[in-house]
């Protein structure tokens, strides 16, 4: 989880869905506004959460096309490694 402001955001719930195979590489994600509504959070929080996922290499955003699950998601570093 990433601490954002005064609350916690589970990064849109997407890392677990990507790892579990629920979201396949290349799958298009809903808009940030739609995700904010789905997860009952603010649009600003959702923007930050998707930014974190992009930084981790789990998603890619193509201007004018949308946001997609990365074809080769980067491995999450394990703690203590």
Protein backbone atom coordinates (compact mmCIF):
# COMPACT_ATOMS: atom_id res chain seq x y z
CA UNK A 1 0.00 0.00 0.00
CA UNK A 2 1.07 3.52 -0.67
CA UNK A 3 0.29 6.25 1.82
CA UNK A 4 -1.43 9.09 0.03
CA UNK A 5 -2.48 12.10 2.04
CA UNK A 6 -4.32 11.00 5.14
CA UNK A 7 -5.49 7.64 3.83
CA UNK A 8 -4.17 4.49 2.23
CA UNK A 9 -4.63 3.53 -1.38
CA UNK A 10 -4.03 -0.07 -2.48
CA UNK A 11 -2.79 1.22 -5.85
CA UNK A 12 -6.12 0.64 -7.47
CA UNK A 13 -6.07 -3.03 -6.48
CA UNK A 14 -4.33 -3.65 -9.78
CA UNK A 15 -0.96 -5.19 -8.74
CA UNK A 16 -2.74 -8.18 -7.24
CA UNK A 17 -5.04 -8.50 -10.25
CA UNK A 18 -2.05 -8.33 -12.62
CA UNK A 19 -0.08 -10.91 -10.61
CA UNK A 20 -3.10 -13.22 -10.41
CA UNK A 21 -3.56 -13.06 -14.16
CA UNK A 22 -6.97 -11.36 -13.92
CA UNK A 23 -5.55 -8.53 -16.02
CA UNK A 24 -3.57 -9.91 -18.95
CA UNK A 25 -0.66 -8.05 -20.57
CA UNK A 26 -2.05 -5.53 -23.03
CA UNK A 27 -5.43 -5.32 -21.27
CA UNK A 28 -6.84 -1.81 -21.26
CA UNK A 29 -7.68 -0.31 -17.87
CA UNK A 30 -10.75 1.85 -17.31
CA UNK A 31 -10.19 5.61 -17.20
CA UNK A 32 -8.82 7.09 -13.98
CA UNK A 33 -12.18 8.77 -13.38
CA UNK A 34 -14.01 5.45 -13.77
CA UNK A 35 -11.52 3.72 -11.47
CA UNK A 36 -11.94 6.50 -8.90
CA UNK A 37 -15.69 5.92 -8.94
CA UNK A 38 -15.28 2.13 -8.77
CA UNK A 39 -12.91 2.30 -5.78
CA UNK A 40 -14.81 5.20 -4.18
CA UNK A 41 -11.79 7.45 -3.99
CA UNK A 42 -10.91 10.85 -5.35
CA UNK A 43 -9.65 11.37 -8.88
CA UNK A 44 -6.42 12.88 -7.47
CA UNK A 45 -5.79 9.75 -5.39
CA UNK A 46 -6.39 7.57 -8.43
CA UNK A 47 -3.99 9.68 -10.52
CA UNK A 48 -1.28 9.15 -7.89
CA UNK A 49 -2.01 5.43 -7.67
CA UNK A 50 -1.71 4.97 -11.44
CA UNK A 51 1.48 7.04 -11.37
CA UNK A 52 2.94 4.58 -8.85
CA UNK A 53 1.94 1.63 -11.04
CA UNK A 54 3.60 3.29 -14.05
CA UNK A 55 6.78 3.90 -12.03
CA UNK A 56 6.82 0.20 -11.10
CA UNK A 57 6.48 -0.77 -14.74
CA UNK A 58 3.16 -2.55 -14.25
CA UNK A 59 1.16 -0.32 -16.57
CA UNK A 60 1.86 1.93 -19.55
CA UNK A 61 -0.12 4.93 -20.71
CA UNK A 62 -0.33 5.77 -24.41
CA UNK A 63 -1.52 9.30 -25.01
CA UNK A 64 -4.81 9.30 -26.86
CA UNK A 65 -5.26 5.53 -26.51
CA UNK A 66 -5.46 4.75 -22.80
CA UNK A 67 -3.67 2.87 -20.04
CA UNK A 68 -2.72 -0.76 -20.46
CA UNK A 69 -1.15 -3.59 -18.45
CA UNK A 70 2.53 -3.71 -19.41
CA UNK A 71 3.49 -6.50 -21.81
CA UNK A 72 6.34 -7.55 -19.55
CA UNK A 73 5.54 -6.26 -16.05
CA UNK A 74 8.65 -5.64 -14.00
CA UNK A 75 9.16 -7.94 -11.07
CA UNK A 76 8.33 -6.48 -7.68
CA UNK A 77 11.46 -6.36 -5.51
CA UNK A 78 11.21 -8.70 -2.58
CA UNK A 79 11.78 -7.25 0.86
CA UNK A 80 15.21 -7.93 2.29
CA UNK A 81 16.70 -8.49 -1.15
